[in-house]
Amino acid sequence: EGKEWIRLSDMPAGRHRHCVAIIDANIYVLGGWVGDTESVLSSVLRYDMNSDKWSEAGQLCHAVGHAASVAYNNFIYLFGGGDVNGQPVNYLQRYNPTTQTTTLMYHPMPAPYSCMRAVVWETSAILIGYDTCYIYNFDTETWIERKKFKTDVLHFGLCIHNQSIFIAGGG
């Protein structure tokens, strides 16, 4: 027969428009937005899959919602997002789960952007959005823009498998 869903511990407080990434047996929830207070968050939460417990795990340099994120070499990279006024930003923030600290990287995104999606490909992050596509190389900290790979849609799903990128849905 089919498997059933199992409900685990709820997050300590609700949020949406946040990023998530997994490193080892931990899920990290970064930034986001709280509708009741209309505030953008800078907090980082950690969910330990082994203990089924949530804990505070640091702060971002800048509060953002609608940022894109990926985990690479035991760091979590947050790309852009929207600030407290909903305006797109070009921040590139790198979260270190070992020290629970965030660094604002020296080479930000080429332009402010929110609502992008990101995947890791070899030693790069591929960020795709409505108007453009960026490729960020983690080793050289350099950016390449590839406008021909833009989506012309928002709120889509993105994944990579066997050197192919898949975009699902959008509006």
N, C-alpha and C. Protein backbone atom coordinates (compact mmCIF):
# COMPACT_ATOMS: atom_id res chain seq x y z
N GLU A 1 0.83 -1.19 0.00
CA GLU A 1 0.00 0.00 0.00
C GLU A 1 0.87 1.25 0.00
N GLY A 2 0.23 2.40 -0.20
CA GLY A 2 0.94 3.67 -0.25
C GLY A 2 1.41 4.12 1.12
N LYS A 3 2.39 4.96 1.13
CA LYS A 3 2.90 5.51 2.37
C LYS A 3 2.02 6.68 2.80
N GLU A 4 2.08 7.00 4.08
CA GLU A 4 1.29 8.09 4.62
C GLU A 4 2.20 9.25 5.00
N TRP A 5 1.63 10.44 4.96
CA TRP A 5 2.34 11.63 5.42
C TRP A 5 2.47 11.56 6.93
N ILE A 6 3.60 12.03 7.45
CA ILE A 6 3.82 12.11 8.89
C ILE A 6 4.05 13.57 9.23
N ARG A 7 3.29 14.09 10.16
CA ARG A 7 3.46 15.48 10.56
C ARG A 7 4.55 15.57 11.61
N LEU A 8 5.53 16.42 11.34
CA LEU A 8 6.63 16.66 12.26
C LEU A 8 6.38 17.97 12.99
N SER A 9 7.33 18.43 13.79
CA SER A 9 7.18 19.65 14.56
C SER A 9 6.96 20.86 13.66
N ASP A 10 6.00 21.69 14.03
CA ASP A 10 5.73 22.92 13.29
C ASP A 10 6.85 23.93 13.53
N MET A 11 7.02 24.83 12.56
CA MET A 11 7.95 25.94 12.76
C MET A 11 7.50 26.75 13.96
N PRO A 12 8.43 27.42 14.67
CA PRO A 12 8.06 28.20 15.85
C PRO A 12 7.08 29.33 15.55
N ALA A 13 7.14 29.88 14.33
CA ALA A 13 6.23 30.95 13.92
C ALA A 13 6.08 30.89 12.40
N GLY A 14 4.93 31.30 11.95
CA GLY A 14 4.66 31.26 10.52
C GLY A 14 5.46 32.30 9.75
N ARG A 15 5.76 31.98 8.52
CA ARG A 15 6.41 32.91 7.59
C ARG A 15 6.19 32.36 6.19
N HIS A 16 6.27 33.21 5.22
CA HIS A 16 6.26 32.75 3.83
C HIS A 16 7.19 33.64 3.02
N ARG A 17 7.36 33.30 1.73
CA ARG A 17 8.33 33.98 0.86
C ARG A 17 9.76 33.82 1.37
N HIS A 18 10.02 32.71 2.04
CA HIS A 18 11.34 32.43 2.63
C HIS A 18 12.11 31.47 1.73
N CYS A 19 13.36 31.24 2.07
CA CYS A 19 14.22 30.27 1.39
C CYS A 19 14.43 29.07 2.30
N VAL A 20 14.69 27.94 1.70
CA VAL A 20 15.07 26.75 2.47
C VAL A 20 16.24 26.07 1.79
N ALA A 21 17.06 25.43 2.59
CA ALA A 21 18.18 24.64 2.07
C ALA A 21 18.49 23.56 3.10
N ILE A 22 19.05 22.47 2.62
CA ILE A 22 19.42 21.35 3.49
C ILE A 22 20.93 21.18 3.48
N ILE A 23 21.50 21.07 4.67
CA ILE A 23 22.90 20.70 4.84
C ILE A 23 22.94 19.63 5.92
N ASP A 24 23.51 18.49 5.57
CA ASP A 24 23.53 17.32 6.44
C ASP A 24 22.08 16.96 6.82
N ALA A 25 21.79 16.80 8.09
CA ALA A 25 20.44 16.43 8.52
C ALA A 25 19.68 17.64 9.06
N ASN A 26 20.00 18.83 8.51
CA ASN A 26 19.38 20.06 8.98
C ASN A 26 18.74 20.81 7.83
N ILE A 27 17.52 21.30 8.07
CA ILE A 27 16.84 22.17 7.12
C ILE A 27 16.95 23.59 7.67
N TYR A 28 17.40 24.50 6.84
CA TYR A 28 17.53 25.90 7.22
C TYR A 28 16.45 26.71 6.51
N VAL A 29 15.79 27.57 7.28
CA VAL A 29 14.76 28.47 6.76
C VAL A 29 15.30 29.87 6.95
N LEU A 30 15.44 30.60 5.84
CA LEU A 30 16.13 31.89 5.88
C LEU A 30 15.23 33.01 5.35
N GLY A 31 15.17 34.10 6.13
CA GLY A 31 14.42 35.27 5.70
C GLY A 31 12.93 34.97 5.56
N GLY A 32 12.27 35.77 4.74
CA GLY A 32 10.85 35.59 4.50
C GLY A 32 10.04 36.80 4.90
N TRP A 33 8.75 36.58 5.00
CA TRP A 33 7.81 37.67 5.23
C TRP A 33 6.72 37.20 6.17
N VAL A 34 6.28 38.09 7.06
CA VAL A 34 5.17 37.81 7.97
C VAL A 34 4.03 38.76 7.60
N GLY A 35 2.93 38.19 7.15
CA GLY A 35 1.80 39.00 6.67
C GLY A 35 1.12 39.81 7.75
N ASP A 36 0.98 39.24 8.98
CA ASP A 36 0.28 39.95 10.06
C ASP A 36 0.92 41.28 10.39
N THR A 37 2.25 41.30 10.39
CA THR A 37 2.98 42.53 10.73
C THR A 37 3.54 43.22 9.48
N GLU A 38 3.34 42.58 8.32
CA GLU A 38 3.89 43.09 7.06
C GLU A 38 5.38 43.42 7.20
N SER A 39 6.12 42.47 7.75
CA SER A 39 7.55 42.69 7.97
C SER A 39 8.36 41.63 7.24
N VAL A 40 9.54 42.05 6.81
CA VAL A 40 10.50 41.15 6.18
C VAL A 40 11.45 40.66 7.26
N LEU A 41 11.83 39.39 7.19
CA LEU A 41 12.62 38.76 8.25
C LEU A 41 14.09 38.62 7.87
N SER A 42 14.93 38.72 8.88
CA SER A 42 16.35 38.44 8.71
C SER A 42 16.75 37.19 9.47
N SER A 43 15.83 36.58 10.16
CA SER A 43 16.16 35.43 11.01
C SER A 43 16.39 34.16 10.20
N VAL A 44 17.21 33.28 10.79
CA VAL A 44 17.49 31.96 10.24
C VAL A 44 17.05 30.94 11.29
N LEU A 45 16.25 29.96 10.85
CA LEU A 45 15.83 28.87 11.71
C LEU A 45 16.47 27.57 11.24
N ARG A 46 16.70 26.67 12.17
CA ARG A 46 17.26 25.36 11.82
C ARG A 46 16.33 24.28 12.36
N TYR A 47 16.01 23.33 11.47
CA TYR A 47 15.24 22.16 11.88
C TYR A 47 16.16 20.95 11.82
N ASP A 48 16.33 20.30 12.96
CA ASP A 48 17.17 19.10 13.07
C ASP A 48 16.28 17.88 12.79
N MET A 49 16.52 17.21 11.68
CA MET A 49 15.70 16.06 11.30
C MET A 49 15.86 14.89 12.27
N ASN A 50 17.00 14.79 12.93
CA ASN A 50 17.22 13.69 13.87
C ASN A 50 16.45 13.86 15.16
N SER A 51 16.34 15.11 15.65
CA SER A 51 15.66 15.34 16.92
C SER A 51 14.24 15.87 16.76
N ASP A 52 13.85 16.25 15.52
CA ASP A 52 12.54 16.85 15.26
C ASP A 52 12.35 18.13 16.07
N LYS A 53 13.43 18.93 16.14
CA LYS A 53 13.37 20.18 16.92
C LYS A 53 13.84 21.37 16.08
N TRP A 54 13.21 22.51 16.33
CA TRP A 54 13.56 23.78 15.70
C TRP A 54 14.41 24.60 16.66
N SER A 55 15.33 25.41 16.10
CA SER A 55 16.11 26.34 16.92
C SER A 55 16.47 27.57 16.10
N GLU A 56 16.75 28.65 16.81
CA GLU A 56 17.26 29.87 16.16
C GLU A 56 18.67 29.57 15.68
N ALA A 57 19.03 30.08 14.50
CA ALA A 57 20.35 29.74 13.95
C ALA A 57 21.04 30.94 13.32
N GLY A 58 20.78 32.13 13.83
CA GLY A 58 21.50 33.31 13.35
C GLY A 58 20.61 34.29 12.63
N GLN A 59 21.27 35.28 12.01
CA GLN A 59 20.61 36.36 11.30
C GLN A 59 21.29 36.59 9.96
N LEU A 60 20.50 37.01 8.99
CA LEU A 60 21.07 37.44 7.71
C LEU A 60 21.63 38.85 7.88
N CYS A 61 22.49 39.26 6.98
CA CYS A 61 22.98 40.64 6.98
C CYS A 61 21.84 41.61 6.67
N HIS A 62 20.99 41.20 5.72
CA HIS A 62 19.84 42.01 5.31
C HIS A 62 18.60 41.15 5.29
N ALA A 63 17.51 41.68 5.82
CA ALA A 63 16.22 41.00 5.76
C ALA A 63 15.75 40.96 4.31
N VAL A 64 15.32 39.79 3.84
CA VAL A 64 14.83 39.64 2.47
C VAL A 64 13.70 38.61 2.41
N GLY A 65 12.81 38.84 1.50
CA GLY A 65 11.79 37.86 1.13
C GLY A 65 11.93 37.61 -0.35
N HIS A 66 11.42 36.52 -0.84
CA HIS A 66 11.48 36.17 -2.27
C HIS A 66 12.90 36.05 -2.80
N ALA A 67 13.86 35.70 -1.96
CA ALA A 67 15.23 35.48 -2.43
C ALA A 67 15.34 34.07 -2.99
N ALA A 68 16.36 33.83 -3.79
CA ALA A 68 16.67 32.48 -4.26
C ALA A 68 17.81 31.95 -3.40
N SER A 69 17.86 30.62 -3.20
CA SER A 69 18.93 30.08 -2.37
C SER A 69 19.37 28.71 -2.88
N VAL A 70 20.64 28.41 -2.60
CA VAL A 70 21.20 27.08 -2.85
C VAL A 70 22.21 26.76 -1.75
N ALA A 71 22.42 25.48 -1.52
CA ALA A 71 23.48 25.03 -0.63
C ALA A 71 24.64 24.54 -1.50
N TYR A 72 25.85 25.00 -1.15
CA TYR A 72 27.04 24.60 -1.89
C TYR A 72 28.23 24.58 -0.93
N ASN A 73 28.95 23.49 -0.87
CA ASN A 73 30.14 23.34 -0.01
C ASN A 73 29.88 23.76 1.43
N ASN A 74 28.77 23.30 1.99
CA ASN A 74 28.40 23.57 3.38
C ASN A 74 28.15 25.03 3.70
N PHE A 75 27.81 25.81 2.70
CA PHE A 75 27.32 27.18 2.87
C PHE A 75 25.97 27.28 2.18
N ILE A 76 25.18 28.27 2.59
CA ILE A 76 23.93 28.56 1.90
C ILE A 76 24.05 29.96 1.32
N TYR A 77 23.81 30.06 0.03
CA TYR A 77 23.88 31.33 -0.68
C TYR A 77 22.47 31.84 -0.93
N LEU A 78 22.23 33.10 -0.58
CA LEU A 78 20.96 33.77 -0.85
C LEU A 78 21.21 34.85 -1.90
N PHE A 79 20.41 34.81 -2.94
CA PHE A 79 20.56 35.72 -4.07
C PHE A 79 19.38 36.69 -4.13
N GLY A 80 19.69 38.00 -4.00
CA GLY A 80 18.67 39.03 -4.18
C GLY A 80 17.54 38.93 -3.19
N GLY A 81 16.32 39.13 -3.72
CA GLY A 81 15.12 39.13 -2.90
C GLY A 81 14.52 40.52 -2.85
N GLY A 82 13.53 40.68 -2.00
CA GLY A 82 12.88 41.97 -1.81
C GLY A 82 13.15 42.49 -0.42
N ASP A 83 13.31 43.81 -0.31
CA ASP A 83 13.61 44.43 0.99
C ASP A 83 12.32 44.76 1.74
N VAL A 84 12.43 45.54 2.81
CA VAL A 84 11.28 45.87 3.64
C VAL A 84 10.20 46.64 2.89
N ASN A 85 10.56 47.30 1.80
CA ASN A 85 9.60 48.03 0.98
C ASN A 85 9.14 47.23 -0.23
N GLY A 86 9.57 45.98 -0.33
CA GLY A 86 9.20 45.15 -1.47
C GLY A 86 10.01 45.42 -2.71
N GLN A 87 11.05 46.23 -2.59
CA GLN A 87 11.89 46.56 -3.74
C GLN A 87 12.97 45.50 -3.92
N PRO A 88 13.22 45.08 -5.17
CA PRO A 88 14.27 44.10 -5.41
C PRO A 88 15.64 44.62 -4.98
N VAL A 89 16.48 43.70 -4.51
CA VAL A 89 17.84 44.03 -4.07
C VAL A 89 18.83 43.13 -4.79
N ASN A 90 20.10 43.53 -4.81
CA ASN A 90 21.13 42.73 -5.48
C ASN A 90 22.07 42.04 -4.51
N TYR A 91 21.69 41.90 -3.26
CA TYR A 91 22.55 41.30 -2.25
C TYR A 91 22.90 39.85 -2.61
N LEU A 92 24.12 39.49 -2.30
CA LEU A 92 24.52 38.09 -2.29
C LEU A 92 25.02 37.81 -0.88
N GLN A 93 24.23 37.04 -0.12
CA GLN A 93 24.55 36.72 1.26
C GLN A 93 24.94 35.24 1.36
N ARG A 94 25.98 34.98 2.15
CA ARG A 94 26.43 33.59 2.35
C ARG A 94 26.32 33.26 3.83
N TYR A 95 25.49 32.28 4.11
CA TYR A 95 25.26 31.84 5.48
C TYR A 95 26.15 30.63 5.79
N ASN A 96 26.81 30.68 6.94
CA ASN A 96 27.67 29.60 7.41
C ASN A 96 26.97 28.90 8.57
N PRO A 97 26.44 27.69 8.38
CA PRO A 97 25.72 27.03 9.47
C PRO A 97 26.61 26.60 10.64
N THR A 98 27.89 26.44 10.42
CA THR A 98 28.80 26.05 11.50
C THR A 98 28.94 27.18 12.51
N THR A 99 29.14 28.40 12.02
CA THR A 99 29.30 29.56 12.90
C THR A 99 28.01 30.33 13.11
N GLN A 100 26.97 29.98 12.36
CA GLN A 100 25.67 30.67 12.39
C GLN A 100 25.82 32.16 12.09
N THR A 101 26.70 32.46 11.12
CA THR A 101 26.92 33.85 10.72
C THR A 101 26.68 33.99 9.22
N THR A 102 26.40 35.21 8.82
CA THR A 102 26.16 35.51 7.41
C THR A 102 27.14 36.57 6.96
N THR A 103 27.66 36.40 5.76
CA THR A 103 28.58 37.35 5.16
C THR A 103 27.93 37.96 3.93
N LEU A 104 28.08 39.25 3.77
CA LEU A 104 27.65 39.92 2.55
C LEU A 104 28.80 39.82 1.57
N MET A 105 28.58 39.10 0.48
CA MET A 105 29.65 38.83 -0.46
C MET A 105 30.05 40.10 -1.22
N TYR A 106 31.32 40.15 -1.62
CA TYR A 106 31.90 41.33 -2.25
C TYR A 106 31.32 41.61 -3.64
N HIS A 107 30.96 40.56 -4.39
CA HIS A 107 30.42 40.73 -5.74
C HIS A 107 28.93 40.44 -5.74
N PRO A 108 28.08 41.48 -5.58
CA PRO A 108 26.63 41.25 -5.55
C PRO A 108 26.11 40.85 -6.93
N MET A 109 24.82 40.59 -7.00
CA MET A 109 24.20 40.27 -8.29
C MET A 109 24.38 41.47 -9.22
N PRO A 110 24.44 41.24 -10.52
CA PRO A 110 24.62 42.35 -11.47
C PRO A 110 23.51 43.39 -11.42
N ALA A 111 22.32 43.00 -11.00
CA ALA A 111 21.19 43.93 -10.90
C ALA A 111 20.27 43.45 -9.77
N PRO A 112 19.47 44.35 -9.20
CA PRO A 112 18.51 43.93 -8.18
C PRO A 112 17.48 42.98 -8.78
N TYR A 113 17.14 41.92 -8.03
CA TYR A 113 16.18 40.95 -8.55
C TYR A 113 15.54 40.18 -7.40
N SER A 114 14.23 39.93 -7.51
CA SER A 114 13.54 39.05 -6.57
C SER A 114 12.74 38.03 -7.37
N CYS A 115 12.26 37.03 -6.69
CA CYS A 115 11.44 35.96 -7.28
C CYS A 115 12.18 35.12 -8.31
N MET A 116 13.49 35.03 -8.21
CA MET A 116 14.25 34.11 -9.08
C MET A 116 14.24 32.73 -8.42
N ARG A 117 14.61 31.73 -9.18
CA ARG A 117 14.82 30.39 -8.67
C ARG A 117 16.27 30.02 -8.98
N ALA A 118 16.85 29.13 -8.18
CA ALA A 118 18.26 28.78 -8.35
C ALA A 118 18.48 27.29 -8.19
N VAL A 119 19.46 26.78 -8.93
CA VAL A 119 19.93 25.40 -8.80
C VAL A 119 21.45 25.41 -8.87
N VAL A 120 22.06 24.38 -8.29
CA VAL A 120 23.51 24.22 -8.39
C VAL A 120 23.82 23.36 -9.60
N TRP A 121 24.80 23.81 -10.37
CA TRP A 121 25.29 23.06 -11.52
C TRP A 121 26.81 23.10 -11.48
N GLU A 122 27.43 21.94 -11.24
CA GLU A 122 28.89 21.83 -11.11
C GLU A 122 29.39 22.81 -10.06
N THR A 123 30.17 23.83 -10.43
CA THR A 123 30.69 24.80 -9.46
C THR A 123 30.00 26.15 -9.58
N SER A 124 28.77 26.13 -10.06
CA SER A 124 28.02 27.38 -10.28
C SER A 124 26.59 27.26 -9.78
N ALA A 125 25.99 28.41 -9.58
CA ALA A 125 24.55 28.50 -9.34
C ALA A 125 23.94 29.09 -10.60
N ILE A 126 22.86 28.49 -11.06
CA ILE A 126 22.11 29.04 -12.18
C ILE A 126 20.85 29.67 -11.59
N LEU A 127 20.69 30.97 -11.82
CA LEU A 127 19.52 31.70 -11.34
C LEU A 127 18.67 32.08 -12.53
N ILE A 128 17.42 31.72 -12.50
CA ILE A 128 16.53 32.01 -13.62
C ILE A 128 15.36 32.83 -13.09
N GLY A 129 15.00 33.84 -13.85
CA GLY A 129 13.88 34.70 -13.48
C GLY A 129 13.08 35.13 -14.69
N TYR A 130 12.13 35.97 -14.43
CA TYR A 130 11.21 36.46 -15.46
C TYR A 130 11.95 37.12 -16.62
N ASP A 131 12.91 38.00 -16.31
CA ASP A 131 13.58 38.83 -17.32
C ASP A 131 14.94 38.35 -17.77
N THR A 132 15.58 37.49 -16.99
CA THR A 132 16.96 37.14 -17.31
C THR A 132 17.39 35.84 -16.62
N CYS A 133 18.61 35.44 -16.90
CA CYS A 133 19.25 34.28 -16.26
C CYS A 133 20.68 34.72 -15.91
N TYR A 134 21.11 34.38 -14.70
CA TYR A 134 22.48 34.63 -14.28
C TYR A 134 23.13 33.31 -13.92
N ILE A 135 24.42 33.23 -14.18
CA ILE A 135 25.22 32.09 -13.72
C ILE A 135 26.30 32.66 -12.81
N TYR A 136 26.35 32.18 -11.58
CA TYR A 136 27.32 32.63 -10.60
C TYR A 136 28.30 31.50 -10.33
N ASN A 137 29.59 31.75 -10.53
CA ASN A 137 30.63 30.77 -10.27
C ASN A 137 31.11 30.94 -8.84
N PHE A 138 30.94 29.91 -8.02
CA PHE A 138 31.31 29.98 -6.61
C PHE A 138 32.81 30.16 -6.43
N ASP A 139 33.63 29.52 -7.27
CA ASP A 139 35.08 29.55 -7.10
C ASP A 139 35.68 30.91 -7.48
N THR A 140 35.22 31.48 -8.59
CA THR A 140 35.78 32.75 -9.05
C THR A 140 34.97 33.96 -8.61
N GLU A 141 33.78 33.71 -8.01
CA GLU A 141 32.87 34.78 -7.58
C GLU A 141 32.55 35.74 -8.73
N THR A 142 32.31 35.18 -9.90
CA THR A 142 31.99 35.99 -11.08
C THR A 142 30.59 35.65 -11.60
N TRP A 143 30.03 36.59 -12.34
CA TRP A 143 28.69 36.49 -12.88
C TRP A 143 28.71 36.50 -14.41
N ILE A 144 27.80 35.73 -15.00
CA ILE A 144 27.55 35.77 -16.44
C ILE A 144 26.03 35.91 -16.60
N GLU A 145 25.61 36.78 -17.49
CA GLU A 145 24.18 36.92 -17.77
C GLU A 145 23.84 36.22 -19.07
N ARG A 146 22.73 35.51 -19.09
CA ARG A 146 22.24 34.79 -20.27
C ARG A 146 20.75 35.09 -20.43
N LYS A 147 20.43 36.26 -21.00
CA LYS A 147 19.03 36.69 -21.11
C LYS A 147 18.17 35.71 -21.91
N LYS A 148 18.77 34.97 -22.82
CA LYS A 148 17.96 34.07 -23.65
C LYS A 148 17.32 32.95 -22.85
N PHE A 149 17.76 32.73 -21.60
CA PHE A 149 17.18 31.68 -20.77
C PHE A 149 16.16 32.20 -19.77
N LYS A 150 15.67 33.43 -19.95
CA LYS A 150 14.63 33.97 -19.07
C LYS A 150 13.35 33.17 -19.24
N THR A 151 12.42 33.31 -18.29
CA THR A 151 11.22 32.47 -18.33
C THR A 151 9.98 33.18 -18.85
N ASP A 152 9.90 34.49 -18.69
CA ASP A 152 8.69 35.26 -19.00
C ASP A 152 7.51 34.88 -18.10
N VAL A 153 7.75 34.17 -17.00
CA VAL A 153 6.72 33.85 -16.01
C VAL A 153 7.31 34.02 -14.61
N LEU A 154 6.43 34.15 -13.64
CA LEU A 154 6.82 34.23 -12.23
C LEU A 154 6.33 33.00 -11.49
N HIS A 155 6.88 32.76 -10.32
CA HIS A 155 6.41 31.71 -9.39
C HIS A 155 6.37 30.34 -10.05
N PHE A 156 7.47 29.95 -10.65
CA PHE A 156 7.61 28.66 -11.32
C PHE A 156 8.49 27.75 -10.49
N GLY A 157 8.48 26.47 -10.80
CA GLY A 157 9.38 25.52 -10.17
C GLY A 157 10.60 25.33 -11.05
N LEU A 158 11.74 25.03 -10.43
CA LEU A 158 12.99 24.85 -11.16
C LEU A 158 13.76 23.69 -10.56
N CYS A 159 14.25 22.81 -11.43
CA CYS A 159 15.13 21.73 -10.97
C CYS A 159 16.08 21.37 -12.11
N ILE A 160 17.12 20.63 -11.74
CA ILE A 160 18.11 20.21 -12.72
C ILE A 160 18.31 18.70 -12.56
N HIS A 161 18.45 18.01 -13.71
CA HIS A 161 18.67 16.57 -13.70
C HIS A 161 19.40 16.18 -14.97
N ASN A 162 20.49 15.44 -14.83
CA ASN A 162 21.28 14.98 -15.98
C ASN A 162 21.59 16.11 -16.97
N GLN A 163 22.09 17.21 -16.47
CA GLN A 163 22.52 18.35 -17.29
C GLN A 163 21.36 19.05 -18.02
N SER A 164 20.11 18.79 -17.62
CA SER A 164 18.95 19.47 -18.20
C SER A 164 18.24 20.24 -17.11
N ILE A 165 17.83 21.46 -17.43
CA ILE A 165 17.06 22.28 -16.50
C ILE A 165 15.59 22.16 -16.87
N PHE A 166 14.77 21.99 -15.83
CA PHE A 166 13.34 21.86 -16.03
C PHE A 166 12.65 23.01 -15.31
N ILE A 167 11.75 23.68 -16.02
CA ILE A 167 10.93 24.74 -15.46
C ILE A 167 9.49 24.26 -15.48
N ALA A 168 8.85 24.28 -14.32
CA ALA A 168 7.48 23.77 -14.21
C ALA A 168 6.53 24.90 -13.82
N GLY A 169 5.51 25.08 -14.61
CA GLY A 169 4.45 26.03 -14.30
C GLY A 169 4.89 27.47 -14.34
N GLY A 170 4.19 28.28 -13.61
CA GLY A 170 4.44 29.72 -13.56
C GLY A 170 3.23 30.48 -14.02
N GLY A 171 3.24 31.76 -13.73
CA GLY A 171 2.09 32.58 -14.11
C GLY A 171 2.50 33.97 -14.46
